[in-house]
Amino acid sequence: MSFSAESIRSRIISIVADLTMQDPEDLSAESLLNEIGLDSLSLIELVFAIEEAFEVQLPFDANNPEDADLDITSIGSIMNAVEVLLTEGQGAG
């Protein structure tokens, strides 16, 4: 299955909206995860949901998220990471 940039964006926003119980229309690539209500448990759930949705393995260290190779500060940074992984052939793309 192939993913366009728009489908990646839409799916990630949908996942974040579900986890934060927000309207997807209120979220954008610029939305910072720590400002939209994601706590540490929700962050782990987000990583698992994205890995499942795109069949990728995100380089995320739940014990030390600041030290992870994945920038998980915003929706846009997650979108970029997923696009890179799919481009490198590490997912369903």
PDB file of N, CA and C in Angstrom:
ATOM      1  N   MET A   1       0.840  -1.176   0.000  1.00  0.00           N
ATOM      2  CA  MET A   1       0.000   0.000   0.000  1.00  0.00           C
ATOM      3  C   MET A   1       0.889   1.244   0.000  1.00  0.00           C
ATOM      4  N   SER A   2       0.530   2.201  -0.801  1.00  0.00           N
ATOM      5  CA  SER A   2       1.290   3.435  -0.921  1.00  0.00           C
ATOM      6  C   SER A   2       0.562   4.570  -0.201  1.00  0.00           C
ATOM      7  N   PHE A   3       1.349   5.454   0.417  1.00  0.00           N
ATOM      8  CA  PHE A   3       0.770   6.571   1.152  1.00  0.00           C
ATOM      9  C   PHE A   3       1.256   7.880   0.553  1.00  0.00           C
ATOM     10  N   SER A   4       0.329   8.782   0.292  1.00  0.00           N
ATOM     11  CA  SER A   4       0.700  10.123  -0.150  1.00  0.00           C
ATOM     12  C   SER A   4       0.990  10.969   1.084  1.00  0.00           C
ATOM     13  N   ALA A   5       1.643  12.095   0.870  1.00  0.00           N
ATOM     14  CA  ALA A   5       1.911  13.006   1.989  1.00  0.00           C
ATOM     15  C   ALA A   5       0.601  13.420   2.654  1.00  0.00           C
ATOM     16  N   GLU A   6      -0.429  13.652   1.855  1.00  0.00           N
ATOM     17  CA  GLU A   6      -1.722  14.059   2.408  1.00  0.00           C
ATOM     18  C   GLU A   6      -2.367  12.935   3.219  1.00  0.00           C
ATOM     19  N   SER A   7      -2.251  11.689   2.747  1.00  0.00           N
ATOM     20  CA  SER A   7      -2.852  10.586   3.498  1.00  0.00           C
ATOM     21  C   SER A   7      -2.092  10.340   4.799  1.00  0.00           C
ATOM     22  N   ILE A   8      -0.776  10.546   4.794  1.00  0.00           N
ATOM     23  CA  ILE A   8       0.009  10.425   6.029  1.00  0.00           C
ATOM     24  C   ILE A   8      -0.440  11.497   7.015  1.00  0.00           C
ATOM     25  N   ARG A   9      -0.526  12.729   6.540  1.00  0.00           N
ATOM     26  CA  ARG A   9      -0.957  13.844   7.382  1.00  0.00           C
ATOM     27  C   ARG A   9      -2.338  13.585   7.971  1.00  0.00           C
ATOM     28  N   SER A  10      -3.262  13.206   7.128  1.00  0.00           N
ATOM     29  CA  SER A  10      -4.634  12.980   7.552  1.00  0.00           C
ATOM     30  C   SER A  10      -4.724  11.860   8.591  1.00  0.00           C
ATOM     31  N   ARG A  11      -4.016  10.767   8.351  1.00  0.00           N
ATOM     32  CA  ARG A  11      -4.076   9.620   9.269  1.00  0.00           C
ATOM     33  C   ARG A  11      -3.449   9.958  10.614  1.00  0.00           C
ATOM     34  N   ILE A  12      -2.312  10.657  10.614  1.00  0.00           N
ATOM     35  CA  ILE A  12      -1.656  11.014  11.869  1.00  0.00           C
ATOM     36  C   ILE A  12      -2.526  11.986  12.660  1.00  0.00           C
ATOM     37  N   ILE A  13      -3.097  12.959  11.992  1.00  0.00           N
ATOM     38  CA  ILE A  13      -3.990  13.893  12.677  1.00  0.00           C
ATOM     39  C   ILE A  13      -5.192  13.150  13.253  1.00  0.00           C
ATOM     40  N   SER A  14      -5.721  12.204  12.531  1.00  0.00           N
ATOM     41  CA  SER A  14      -6.852  11.417  13.016  1.00  0.00           C
ATOM     42  C   SER A  14      -6.470  10.623  14.268  1.00  0.00           C
ATOM     43  N   ILE A  15      -5.290  10.019  14.263  1.00  0.00           N
ATOM     44  CA  ILE A  15      -4.822   9.251  15.421  1.00  0.00           C
ATOM     45  C   ILE A  15      -4.657  10.168  16.630  1.00  0.00           C
ATOM     46  N   VAL A  16      -4.014  11.318  16.425  1.00  0.00           N
ATOM     47  CA  VAL A  16      -3.807  12.268  17.522  1.00  0.00           C
ATOM     48  C   VAL A  16      -5.148  12.791  18.036  1.00  0.00           C
ATOM     49  N   ALA A  17      -6.062  13.084  17.132  1.00  0.00           N
ATOM     50  CA  ALA A  17      -7.383  13.574  17.538  1.00  0.00           C
ATOM     51  C   ALA A  17      -8.104  12.541  18.395  1.00  0.00           C
ATOM     52  N   ASP A  18      -8.020  11.281  18.007  1.00  0.00           N
ATOM     53  CA  ASP A  18      -8.653  10.225  18.797  1.00  0.00           C
ATOM     54  C   ASP A  18      -8.056  10.148  20.202  1.00  0.00           C
ATOM     55  N   LEU A  19      -6.733  10.225  20.283  1.00  0.00           N
ATOM     56  CA  LEU A  19      -6.065  10.114  21.584  1.00  0.00           C
ATOM     57  C   LEU A  19      -6.330  11.319  22.490  1.00  0.00           C
ATOM     58  N   THR A  20      -6.479  12.484  21.889  1.00  0.00           N
ATOM     59  CA  THR A  20      -6.663  13.703  22.686  1.00  0.00           C
ATOM     60  C   THR A  20      -8.121  14.126  22.776  1.00  0.00           C
ATOM     61  N   MET A  21      -8.988  13.370  22.103  1.00  0.00           N
ATOM     62  CA  MET A  21     -10.419  13.666  22.073  1.00  0.00           C
ATOM     63  C   MET A  21     -10.680  15.087  21.568  1.00  0.00           C
ATOM     64  N   GLN A  22      -9.978  15.447  20.500  1.00  0.00           N
ATOM     65  CA  GLN A  22     -10.142  16.755  19.876  1.00  0.00           C
ATOM     66  C   GLN A  22     -10.684  16.583  18.465  1.00  0.00           C
ATOM     67  N   ASP A  23     -11.206  17.648  17.939  1.00  0.00           N
ATOM     68  CA  ASP A  23     -11.661  17.671  16.562  1.00  0.00           C
ATOM     69  C   ASP A  23     -10.428  17.727  15.657  1.00  0.00           C
ATOM     70  N   PRO A  24     -10.325  16.840  14.673  1.00  0.00           N
ATOM     71  CA  PRO A  24      -9.166  16.866  13.764  1.00  0.00           C
ATOM     72  C   PRO A  24      -8.964  18.233  13.112  1.00  0.00           C
ATOM     73  N   GLU A  25     -10.042  18.979  12.924  1.00  0.00           N
ATOM     74  CA  GLU A  25      -9.945  20.305  12.308  1.00  0.00           C
ATOM     75  C   GLU A  25      -9.166  21.293  13.190  1.00  0.00           C
ATOM     76  N   ASP A  26      -9.074  20.996  14.479  1.00  0.00           N
ATOM     77  CA  ASP A  26      -8.360  21.876  15.402  1.00  0.00           C
ATOM     78  C   ASP A  26      -6.863  21.574  15.463  1.00  0.00           C
ATOM     79  N   LEU A  27      -6.424  20.530  14.752  1.00  0.00           N
ATOM     80  CA  LEU A  27      -5.026  20.113  14.779  1.00  0.00           C
ATOM     81  C   LEU A  27      -4.356  20.394  13.439  1.00  0.00           C
ATOM     82  N   SER A  28      -3.054  20.653  13.503  1.00  0.00           N
ATOM     83  CA  SER A  28      -2.282  20.892  12.277  1.00  0.00           C
ATOM     84  C   SER A  28      -0.875  20.346  12.470  1.00  0.00           C
ATOM     85  N   ALA A  29      -0.074  20.418  11.436  1.00  0.00           N
ATOM     86  CA  ALA A  29       1.316  19.968  11.509  1.00  0.00           C
ATOM     87  C   ALA A  29       2.085  20.744  12.570  1.00  0.00           C
ATOM     88  N   GLU A  30       1.684  21.973  12.827  1.00  0.00           N
ATOM     89  CA  GLU A  30       2.371  22.811  13.808  1.00  0.00           C
ATOM     90  C   GLU A  30       1.965  22.508  15.243  1.00  0.00           C
ATOM     91  N   SER A  31       0.930  21.710  15.438  1.00  0.00           N
ATOM     92  CA  SER A  31       0.451  21.401  16.788  1.00  0.00           C
ATOM     93  C   SER A  31       1.536  20.666  17.580  1.00  0.00           C
ATOM     94  N   LEU A  32       1.882  21.231  18.730  1.00  0.00           N
ATOM     95  CA  LEU A  32       2.872  20.609  19.614  1.00  0.00           C
ATOM     96  C   LEU A  32       2.171  19.606  20.527  1.00  0.00           C
ATOM     97  N   LEU A  33       2.721  18.407  20.598  1.00  0.00           N
ATOM     98  CA  LEU A  33       2.065  17.338  21.339  1.00  0.00           C
ATOM     99  C   LEU A  33       1.896  17.671  22.813  1.00  0.00           C
ATOM    100  N   ASN A  34       2.878  18.328  23.420  1.00  0.00           N
ATOM    101  CA  ASN A  34       2.760  18.640  24.838  1.00  0.00           C
ATOM    102  C   ASN A  34       1.741  19.746  25.108  1.00  0.00           C
ATOM    103  N   GLU A  35       1.322  20.459  24.075  1.00  0.00           N
ATOM    104  CA  GLU A  35       0.326  21.519  24.251  1.00  0.00           C
ATOM    105  C   GLU A  35      -1.099  21.064  23.928  1.00  0.00           C
ATOM    106  N   ILE A  36      -1.240  19.876  23.383  1.00  0.00           N
ATOM    107  CA  ILE A  36      -2.579  19.416  23.005  1.00  0.00           C
ATOM    108  C   ILE A  36      -3.081  18.278  23.892  1.00  0.00           C
ATOM    109  N   GLY A  37      -2.400  18.043  24.997  1.00  0.00           N
ATOM    110  CA  GLY A  37      -2.925  17.115  25.986  1.00  0.00           C
ATOM    111  C   GLY A  37      -2.403  15.695  25.929  1.00  0.00           C
ATOM    112  N   LEU A  38      -1.293  15.447  25.256  1.00  0.00           N
ATOM    113  CA  LEU A  38      -0.736  14.099  25.249  1.00  0.00           C
ATOM    114  C   LEU A  38       0.186  13.917  26.441  1.00  0.00           C
ATOM    115  N   ASP A  39      -0.178  12.990  27.336  1.00  0.00           N
ATOM    116  CA  ASP A  39       0.700  12.670  28.451  1.00  0.00           C
ATOM    117  C   ASP A  39       1.623  11.524  28.037  1.00  0.00           C
ATOM    118  N   SER A  40       2.459  11.051  28.942  1.00  0.00           N
ATOM    119  CA  SER A  40       3.449  10.034  28.581  1.00  0.00           C
ATOM    120  C   SER A  40       2.796   8.729  28.120  1.00  0.00           C
ATOM    121  N   LEU A  41       1.706   8.335  28.736  1.00  0.00           N
ATOM    122  CA  LEU A  41       1.011   7.113  28.315  1.00  0.00           C
ATOM    123  C   LEU A  41       0.400   7.302  26.928  1.00  0.00           C
ATOM    124  N   SER A  42      -0.203   8.446  26.693  1.00  0.00           N
ATOM    125  CA  SER A  42      -0.786   8.733  25.380  1.00  0.00           C
ATOM    126  C   SER A  42       0.281   8.766  24.297  1.00  0.00           C
ATOM    127  N   LEU A  43       1.461   9.240  24.656  1.00  0.00           N
ATOM    128  CA  LEU A  43       2.568   9.288  23.704  1.00  0.00           C
ATOM    129  C   LEU A  43       2.964   7.882  23.259  1.00  0.00           C
ATOM    130  N   ILE A  44       2.998   6.962  24.185  1.00  0.00           N
ATOM    131  CA  ILE A  44       3.316   5.567  23.852  1.00  0.00           C
ATOM    132  C   ILE A  44       2.204   4.980  22.990  1.00  0.00           C
ATOM    133  N   GLU A  45       0.963   5.263  23.340  1.00  0.00           N
ATOM    134  CA  GLU A  45      -0.168   4.794  22.530  1.00  0.00           C
ATOM    135  C   GLU A  45      -0.089   5.372  21.119  1.00  0.00           C
ATOM    136  N   LEU A  46       0.314   6.629  21.011  1.00  0.00           N
ATOM    137  CA  LEU A  46       0.468   7.269  19.703  1.00  0.00           C
ATOM    138  C   LEU A  46       1.515   6.551  18.864  1.00  0.00           C
ATOM    139  N   VAL A  47       2.649   6.247  19.454  1.00  0.00           N
ATOM    140  CA  VAL A  47       3.712   5.547  18.732  1.00  0.00           C
ATOM    141  C   VAL A  47       3.204   4.198  18.236  1.00  0.00           C
ATOM    142  N   PHE A  48       2.544   3.437  19.093  1.00  0.00           N
ATOM    143  CA  PHE A  48       2.019   2.125  18.682  1.00  0.00           C
ATOM    144  C   PHE A  48       0.984   2.261  17.569  1.00  0.00           C
ATOM    145  N   ALA A  49       0.100   3.248  17.686  1.00  0.00           N
ATOM    146  CA  ALA A  49      -0.937   3.438  16.674  1.00  0.00           C
ATOM    147  C   ALA A  49      -0.331   3.805  15.320  1.00  0.00           C
ATOM    148  N   ILE A  50       0.694   4.646  15.328  1.00  0.00           N
ATOM    149  CA  ILE A  50       1.344   5.035  14.073  1.00  0.00           C
ATOM    150  C   ILE A  50       2.091   3.855  13.470  1.00  0.00           C
ATOM    151  N   GLU A  51       2.774   3.090  14.316  1.00  0.00           N
ATOM    152  CA  GLU A  51       3.475   1.910  13.806  1.00  0.00           C
ATOM    153  C   GLU A  51       2.499   0.931  13.157  1.00  0.00           C
ATOM    154  N   GLU A  52       1.351   0.748  13.768  1.00  0.00           N
ATOM    155  CA  GLU A  52       0.346  -0.159  13.218  1.00  0.00           C
ATOM    156  C   GLU A  52      -0.266   0.390  11.930  1.00  0.00           C
ATOM    157  N   ALA A  53      -0.579   1.672  11.918  1.00  0.00           N
ATOM    158  CA  ALA A  53      -1.243   2.277  10.763  1.00  0.00           C
ATOM    159  C   ALA A  53      -0.360   2.263   9.514  1.00  0.00           C
ATOM    160  N   PHE A  54       0.943   2.457   9.700  1.00  0.00           N
ATOM    161  CA  PHE A  54       1.846   2.576   8.550  1.00  0.00           C
ATOM    162  C   PHE A  54       2.819   1.410   8.412  1.00  0.00           C
ATOM    163  N   GLU A  55       2.718   0.454   9.328  1.00  0.00           N
ATOM    164  CA  GLU A  55       3.609  -0.705   9.314  1.00  0.00           C
ATOM    165  C   GLU A  55       5.073  -0.280   9.297  1.00  0.00           C
ATOM    166  N   VAL A  56       5.400   0.608  10.219  1.00  0.00           N
ATOM    167  CA  VAL A  56       6.777   1.080  10.389  1.00  0.00           C
ATOM    168  C   VAL A  56       7.204   0.851  11.830  1.00  0.00           C
ATOM    169  N   GLN A  57       8.496   0.913  12.058  1.00  0.00           N
ATOM    170  CA  GLN A  57       9.052   0.830  13.405  1.00  0.00           C
ATOM    171  C   GLN A  57       9.671   2.179  13.724  1.00  0.00           C
ATOM    172  N   LEU A  58       9.025   2.937  14.605  1.00  0.00           N
ATOM    173  CA  LEU A  58       9.529   4.253  14.967  1.00  0.00           C
ATOM    174  C   LEU A  58      10.668   4.125  15.973  1.00  0.00           C
ATOM    175  N   PRO A  59      11.742   4.873  15.766  1.00  0.00           N
ATOM    176  CA  PRO A  59      12.873   4.833  16.712  1.00  0.00           C
ATOM    177  C   PRO A  59      12.559   5.676  17.943  1.00  0.00           C
ATOM    178  N   PHE A  60      11.773   5.118  18.854  1.00  0.00           N
ATOM    179  CA  PHE A  60      11.306   5.860  20.021  1.00  0.00           C
ATOM    180  C   PHE A  60      11.669   5.102  21.278  1.00  0.00           C
ATOM    181  N   ASP A  61      12.244   5.781  22.238  1.00  0.00           N
ATOM    182  CA  ASP A  61      12.595   5.195  23.520  1.00  0.00           C
ATOM    183  C   ASP A  61      11.621   5.733  24.563  1.00  0.00           C
ATOM    184  N   ALA A  62      10.657   4.933  24.941  1.00  0.00           N
ATOM    185  CA  ALA A  62       9.616   5.374  25.871  1.00  0.00           C
ATOM    186  C   ALA A  62      10.190   5.753  27.239  1.00  0.00           C
ATOM    187  N   ASN A  63      11.303   5.158  27.620  1.00  0.00           N
ATOM    188  CA  ASN A  63      11.910   5.477  28.908  1.00  0.00           C
ATOM    189  C   ASN A  63      12.654   6.809  28.889  1.00  0.00           C
ATOM    190  N   ASN A  64      13.153   7.192  27.721  1.00  0.00           N
ATOM    191  CA  ASN A  64      13.903   8.436  27.569  1.00  0.00           C
ATOM    192  C   ASN A  64      13.513   9.131  26.272  1.00  0.00           C
ATOM    193  N   PRO A  65      12.295   9.653  26.170  1.00  0.00           N
ATOM    194  CA  PRO A  65      11.854  10.232  24.899  1.00  0.00           C
ATOM    195  C   PRO A  65      12.727  11.393  24.421  1.00  0.00           C
ATOM    196  N   GLU A  66      13.376  12.097  25.358  1.00  0.00           N
ATOM    197  CA  GLU A  66      14.239  13.206  24.950  1.00  0.00           C
ATOM    198  C   GLU A  66      15.484  12.709  24.219  1.00  0.00           C
ATOM    199  N   ASP A  67      15.893  11.473  24.497  1.00  0.00           N
ATOM    200  CA  ASP A  67      17.101  10.913  23.904  1.00  0.00           C
ATOM    201  C   ASP A  67      16.831  10.074  22.662  1.00  0.00           C
ATOM    202  N   ALA A  68      15.581   9.938  22.281  1.00  0.00           N
ATOM    203  CA  ALA A  68      15.228   9.102  21.131  1.00  0.00           C
ATOM    204  C   ALA A  68      15.678   9.743  19.829  1.00  0.00           C
ATOM    205  N   ASP A  69      15.865   8.907  18.822  1.00  0.00           N
ATOM    206  CA  ASP A  69      16.233   9.392  17.489  1.00  0.00           C
ATOM    207  C   ASP A  69      15.053  10.012  16.764  1.00  0.00           C
ATOM    208  N   LEU A  70      13.885   9.937  17.348  1.00  0.00           N
ATOM    209  CA  LEU A  70      12.662  10.450  16.738  1.00  0.00           C
ATOM    210  C   LEU A  70      12.263  11.769  17.379  1.00  0.00           C
ATOM    211  N   ASP A  71      12.096  12.788  16.551  1.00  0.00           N
ATOM    212  CA  ASP A  71      11.567  14.063  17.045  1.00  0.00           C
ATOM    213  C   ASP A  71      10.059  13.901  17.145  1.00  0.00           C
ATOM    214  N   ILE A  72       9.569  13.879  18.344  1.00  0.00           N
ATOM    215  CA  ILE A  72       8.149  13.641  18.570  1.00  0.00           C
ATOM    216  C   ILE A  72       7.516  14.844  19.271  1.00  0.00           C
ATOM    217  N   THR A  73       7.972  16.029  18.904  1.00  0.00           N
ATOM    218  CA  THR A  73       7.478  17.242  19.549  1.00  0.00           C
ATOM    219  C   THR A  73       6.215  17.798  18.898  1.00  0.00           C
ATOM    220  N   SER A  74       6.013  17.495  17.620  1.00  0.00           N
ATOM    221  CA  SER A  74       4.849  18.050  16.920  1.00  0.00           C
ATOM    222  C   SER A  74       4.277  17.022  15.952  1.00  0.00           C
ATOM    223  N   ILE A  75       3.066  17.298  15.510  1.00  0.00           N
ATOM    224  CA  ILE A  75       2.451  16.426  14.511  1.00  0.00           C
ATOM    225  C   ILE A  75       3.291  16.438  13.234  1.00  0.00           C
ATOM    226  N   GLY A  76       3.794  17.591  12.852  1.00  0.00           N
ATOM    227  CA  GLY A  76       4.614  17.701  11.652  1.00  0.00           C
ATOM    228  C   GLY A  76       5.893  16.894  11.730  1.00  0.00           C
ATOM    229  N   SER A  77       6.536  16.883  12.894  1.00  0.00           N
ATOM    230  CA  SER A  77       7.781  16.113  13.018  1.00  0.00           C
ATOM    231  C   SER A  77       7.499  14.619  12.902  1.00  0.00           C
ATOM    232  N   ILE A  78       6.365  14.182  13.403  1.00  0.00           N
ATOM    233  CA  ILE A  78       5.987  12.771  13.269  1.00  0.00           C
ATOM    234  C   ILE A  78       5.686  12.452  11.808  1.00  0.00           C
ATOM    235  N   MET A  79       4.984  13.356  11.129  1.00  0.00           N
ATOM    236  CA  MET A  79       4.682  13.160   9.706  1.00  0.00           C
ATOM    237  C   MET A  79       5.982  13.002   8.916  1.00  0.00           C
ATOM    238  N   ASN A  80       6.956  13.863   9.193  1.00  0.00           N
ATOM    239  CA  ASN A  80       8.243  13.789   8.492  1.00  0.00           C
ATOM    240  C   ASN A  80       8.941  12.466   8.752  1.00  0.00           C
ATOM    241  N   ALA A  81       8.926  12.012   9.992  1.00  0.00           N
ATOM    242  CA  ALA A  81       9.575  10.748  10.336  1.00  0.00           C
ATOM    243  C   ALA A  81       8.922   9.575   9.608  1.00  0.00           C
ATOM    244  N   VAL A  82       7.597   9.562   9.563  1.00  0.00           N
ATOM    245  CA  VAL A  82       6.893   8.479   8.868  1.00  0.00           C
ATOM    246  C   VAL A  82       7.194   8.522   7.373  1.00  0.00           C
ATOM    247  N   GLU A  83       7.202   9.708   6.782  1.00  0.00           N
ATOM    248  CA  GLU A  83       7.522   9.826   5.358  1.00  0.00           C
ATOM    249  C   GLU A  83       8.918   9.295   5.065  1.00  0.00           C
ATOM    250  N   VAL A  84       9.886   9.613   5.917  1.00  0.00           N
ATOM    251  CA  VAL A  84      11.255   9.129   5.729  1.00  0.00           C
ATOM    252  C   VAL A  84      11.299   7.607   5.823  1.00  0.00           C
ATOM    253  N   LEU A  85      10.655   7.051   6.834  1.00  0.00           N
ATOM    254  CA  LEU A  85      10.657   5.593   6.988  1.00  0.00           C
ATOM    255  C   LEU A  85       9.997   4.894   5.801  1.00  0.00           C
ATOM    256  N   LEU A  86       8.900   5.459   5.314  1.00  0.00           N
ATOM    257  CA  LEU A  86       8.228   4.853   4.163  1.00  0.00           C
ATOM    258  C   LEU A  86       9.085   4.978   2.907  1.00  0.00           C
ATOM    259  N   THR A  87       9.765   6.106   2.743  1.00  0.00           N
ATOM    260  CA  THR A  87      10.645   6.311   1.593  1.00  0.00           C
ATOM    261  C   THR A  87      11.803   5.328   1.624  1.00  0.00           C
ATOM    262  N   GLU A  88      12.311   5.041   2.822  1.00  0.00           N
ATOM    263  CA  GLU A  88      13.419   4.104   2.976  1.00  0.00           C
ATOM    264  C   GLU A  88      12.954   2.661   2.852  1.00  0.00           C
ATOM    265  N   GLY A  89      11.682   2.449   2.634  1.00  0.00           N
ATOM    266  CA  GLY A  89      11.167   1.103   2.448  1.00  0.00           C
ATOM    267  C   GLY A  89      10.959   0.345   3.749  1.00  0.00           C
ATOM    268  N   GLN A  90      10.817   1.058   4.864  1.00  0.00           N
ATOM    269  CA  GLN A  90      10.669   0.412   6.155  1.00  0.00           C
ATOM    270  C   GLN A  90       9.203   0.236   6.547  1.00  0.00           C
ATOM    271  N   GLY A  91       8.306   0.445   5.610  1.00  0.00           N
ATOM    272  CA  GLY A  91       6.889   0.312   5.938  1.00  0.00           C
ATOM    273  C   GLY A  91       6.113  -0.233   4.778  1.00  0.00           C
ATOM    274  N   ALA A  92       4.812  -0.077   4.868  1.00  0.00           N
ATOM    275  CA  ALA A  92       3.908  -0.618   3.865  1.00  0.00           C
ATOM    276  C   ALA A  92       3.947   0.155   2.570  1.00  0.00           C
ATOM    277  N   GLY A  93       4.631   1.278   2.543  1.00  0.00           N
ATOM    278  CA  GLY A  93       4.657   2.125   1.349  1.00  0.00           C
ATOM    279  C   GLY A  93       5.376   1.474   0.261  1.00  0.00           C
TER     280      GLY A  93
END
